[in-house]
C-alpha atoms as a PDB file:
ATOM      1  CA  MET A   1      -8.846  12.697 -12.916  1.00  0.00           C
ATOM      2  CA  TYR A   2      -7.907   9.295 -11.290  1.00  0.00           C
ATOM      3  CA  ALA A   3      -5.524   6.575 -11.459  1.00  0.00           C
ATOM      4  CA  VAL A   4      -5.026   2.830 -10.788  1.00  0.00           C
ATOM      5  CA  ILE A   5      -1.654   2.125  -9.116  1.00  0.00           C
ATOM      6  CA  GLU A   6      -0.091  -1.066  -8.053  1.00  0.00           C
ATOM      7  CA  GLN A   7       1.920  -0.884  -4.742  1.00  0.00           C
ATOM      8  CA  GLY A   8       3.083  -3.859  -2.409  1.00  0.00           C
ATOM      9  CA  SER A   9       0.980  -6.437  -4.658  1.00  0.00           C
ATOM     10  CA  LYS A  10      -2.331  -4.592  -4.076  1.00  0.00           C
ATOM     11  CA  GLN A  11      -3.904  -2.335  -6.299  1.00  0.00           C
ATOM     12  CA  TYR A  12      -5.341   1.208  -5.294  1.00  0.00           C
ATOM     13  CA  LYS A  13      -7.667   3.624  -7.204  1.00  0.00           C
ATOM     14  CA  VAL A  14      -6.377   7.333  -6.131  1.00  0.00           C
ATOM     15  CA  THR A  15      -7.300  10.715  -7.010  1.00  0.00           C
ATOM     16  CA  GLU A  16      -5.347  14.068  -6.338  1.00  0.00           C
ATOM     17  CA  GLY A  17      -5.627  15.356  -2.744  1.00  0.00           C
ATOM     18  CA  GLU A  18      -6.460  11.785  -1.417  1.00  0.00           C
ATOM     19  CA  GLN A  19      -4.931  10.538   1.750  1.00  0.00           C
ATOM     20  CA  LEU A  20      -4.265   6.528   1.943  1.00  0.00           C
ATOM     21  CA  GLU A  21      -2.145   4.056   3.511  1.00  0.00           C
ATOM     22  CA  ILE A  22       0.276   2.042   1.444  1.00  0.00           C
ATOM     23  CA  GLU A  23       2.286  -0.937   2.417  1.00  0.00           C
ATOM     24  CA  LEU A  24       5.695   0.017   3.822  1.00  0.00           C
ATOM     25  CA  THR A  25       8.523   0.206   1.342  1.00  0.00           C
ATOM     26  CA  SER A  26      12.493   1.108   1.427  1.00  0.00           C
ATOM     27  CA  VAL A  27      12.356   4.874   1.261  1.00  0.00           C
ATOM     28  CA  ALA A  28      15.234   7.311   2.706  1.00  0.00           C
ATOM     29  CA  PRO A  29      14.297   8.483   6.158  1.00  0.00           C
ATOM     30  CA  ASP A  30      14.375  12.036   5.257  1.00  0.00           C
ATOM     31  CA  ALA A  31      12.267  11.820   2.044  1.00  0.00           C
ATOM     32  CA  LYS A  32       9.469  14.134   1.717  1.00  0.00           C
ATOM     33  CA  THR A  33       7.928  12.503  -1.493  1.00  0.00           C
ATOM     34  CA  ILE A  34       7.819   9.143  -3.217  1.00  0.00           C
ATOM     35  CA  GLU A  35       7.229   8.219  -6.970  1.00  0.00           C
ATOM     36  CA  LEU A  36       5.057   5.301  -7.678  1.00  0.00           C
ATOM     37  CA  ASN A  37       5.680   4.197 -11.193  1.00  0.00           C
ATOM     38  CA  LYS A  38       3.473   1.234 -11.413  1.00  0.00           C
ATOM     39  CA  VAL A  39       0.344   3.139 -12.988  1.00  0.00           C
ATOM     40  CA  LEU A  40      -2.168   0.371 -14.399  1.00  0.00           C
ATOM     41  CA  PHE A  41      -4.929   2.688 -15.646  1.00  0.00           C
ATOM     42  CA  ILE A  42      -5.365   6.534 -15.974  1.00  0.00           C
ATOM     43  CA  GLY A  43      -9.009   7.816 -16.688  1.00  0.00           C
ATOM     44  CA  GLY A  44     -11.699  10.393 -15.392  1.00  0.00           C
ATOM     45  CA  ASP A  45     -11.049  13.072 -18.340  1.00  0.00           C
ATOM     46  CA  GLY A  46     -12.660  11.532 -21.017  1.00  0.00           C
ATOM     47  CA  ASN A  47      -9.277   9.789 -22.287  1.00  0.00           C
ATOM     48  CA  ASN A  48      -8.810   6.639 -20.640  1.00  0.00           C
ATOM     49  CA  ARG A  49      -5.463   4.906 -21.012  1.00  0.00           C
ATOM     50  CA  VAL A  50      -4.855   1.284 -20.077  1.00  0.00           C
ATOM     51  CA  GLY A  51      -1.375  -0.137 -19.429  1.00  0.00           C
ATOM     52  CA  LYS A  52      -0.024  -3.557 -20.678  1.00  0.00           C
ATOM     53  CA  PRO A  53       0.634  -4.044 -17.708  1.00  0.00           C
ATOM     54  CA  TYR A  54       1.766  -0.698 -16.962  1.00  0.00           C
ATOM     55  CA  ILE A  55       1.634   2.739 -18.734  1.00  0.00           C
ATOM     56  CA  GLU A  56       4.893   3.941 -20.177  1.00  0.00           C
ATOM     57  CA  GLY A  57       6.129   7.266 -18.346  1.00  0.00           C
ATOM     58  CA  ALA A  58       3.251   7.412 -16.157  1.00  0.00           C
ATOM     59  CA  LYS A  59       3.772   8.232 -12.592  1.00  0.00           C
ATOM     60  CA  VAL A  60       1.985   9.228  -9.330  1.00  0.00           C
ATOM     61  CA  ILE A  61       3.728  11.694  -6.836  1.00  0.00           C
ATOM     62  CA  ALA A  62       2.787  11.321  -3.217  1.00  0.00           C
ATOM     63  CA  SER A  63       4.329  13.066  -0.236  1.00  0.00           C
ATOM     64  CA  PHE A  64       4.422  12.273   3.257  1.00  0.00           C
ATOM     65  CA  ARG A  65       2.937  14.188   6.228  1.00  0.00           C
ATOM     66  CA  GLY A  66       6.631  15.260   7.543  1.00  0.00           C
ATOM     67  CA  THR A  67       9.327  12.780   6.747  1.00  0.00           C
ATOM     68  CA  ALA A  68       9.047   9.078   5.718  1.00  0.00           C
ATOM     69  CA  ALA A  69      10.097   8.021   9.283  1.00  0.00           C
ATOM     70  CA  GLU A  70       7.314  10.109  10.795  1.00  0.00           C
ATOM     71  CA  SER A  71       4.791   8.745   8.281  1.00  0.00           C
ATOM     72  CA  VAL A  72       4.986   4.906   9.423  1.00  0.00           C
ATOM     73  CA  THR A  73       2.001   3.809  11.119  1.00  0.00           C
ATOM     74  CA  LYS A  74       0.836   0.289  12.219  1.00  0.00           C
ATOM     75  CA  GLY A  75      -2.437  -1.553  11.377  1.00  0.00           C
ATOM     76  CA  PRO A  76      -4.356  -3.900  13.802  1.00  0.00           C
ATOM     77  CA  LYS A  77      -2.925  -6.779  15.496  1.00  0.00           C
ATOM     78  CA  LEU A  78      -4.054 -10.120  13.848  1.00  0.00           C
ATOM     79  CA  TYR A  79      -3.503 -13.328  15.528  1.00  0.00           C
ATOM     80  CA  VAL A  80      -3.157 -16.779  13.750  1.00  0.00           C
ATOM     81  CA  THR A  81      -3.840 -19.873  15.643  1.00  0.00           C
ATOM     82  CA  ARG A  82      -2.831 -23.301  14.500  1.00  0.00           C
ATOM     83  CA  PHE A  83      -4.678 -26.005  16.441  1.00  0.00           C
ATOM     84  CA  ARG A  84      -4.309 -29.880  16.243  1.00  0.00           C
ATOM     85  CA  ARG A  85      -7.336 -31.502  17.754  1.00  0.00           C
ATOM     86  CA  ARG A  86      -6.775 -34.489  20.323  1.00  0.00           C
ATOM     87  CA  LYS A  87      -2.821 -33.790  19.804  1.00  0.00           C
ATOM     88  CA  ASN A  88      -2.271 -31.346  22.856  1.00  0.00           C
ATOM     89  CA  SER A  89      -1.055 -28.897  20.364  1.00  0.00           C
ATOM     90  CA  GLN A  90      -1.799 -25.448  19.890  1.00  0.00           C
ATOM     91  CA  ARG A  91       0.270 -22.510  18.736  1.00  0.00           C
ATOM     92  CA  ARG A  92      -0.515 -18.735  18.520  1.00  0.00           C
ATOM     93  CA  ILE A  93       1.141 -16.225  16.226  1.00  0.00           C
ATOM     94  CA  GLY A  94       0.725 -12.425  16.103  1.00  0.00           C
ATOM     95  CA  HIS A  95       1.482 -10.091  13.035  1.00  0.00           C
ATOM     96  CA  ARG A  96       1.103  -6.375  12.752  1.00  0.00           C
ATOM     97  CA  GLN A  97       1.634  -4.705   9.353  1.00  0.00           C
ATOM     98  CA  LYS A  98       3.321  -1.338   8.914  1.00  0.00           C
ATOM     99  CA  TYR A  99       1.912   1.362   6.536  1.00  0.00           C
ATOM    100  CA  LEU A 100       3.116   4.465   5.001  1.00  0.00           C
ATOM    101  CA  GLN A 101       0.660   7.504   5.164  1.00  0.00           C
ATOM    102  CA  VAL A 102       0.681   9.405   1.836  1.00  0.00           C
ATOM    103  CA  THR A 103      -0.994  12.232   0.317  1.00  0.00           C
ATOM    104  CA  ILE A 104      -1.432  11.985  -3.619  1.00  0.00           C
ATOM    105  CA  ASP A 105      -0.179  15.345  -5.035  1.00  0.00           C
ATOM    106  CA  LYS A 106       0.213  14.768  -8.754  1.00  0.00           C
ATOM    107  CA  ILE A 107      -0.875  12.276 -11.411  1.00  0.00           C
ATOM    108  CA  GLU A 108       1.297  12.407 -14.503  1.00  0.00           C
ATOM    109  CA  GLY A 109       0.749  10.638 -17.664  1.00  0.00           C
END
């Protein structure tokens, strides 16, 4: 059984027991689990369900390694360069995205 969920304007195909990194969201620092309610599709057992846009009452429960504060990781450092030729103008900006490492425990729906 698998599900397609939406989290942080991205869509993920998840199965039970899978580990993945989702975008950082506001979660209590001592939380052990997170509920992902934006389920777009559930399938894999012969009974496929498609939401319009989300499936009513469906949810995916995911847990953290320890607490939510311990599960925050950082992605790669990205550099954006703005350059205007012949204007003696150049600018370099860095960005590093934060992620939550979660393990999918249960798919309900």
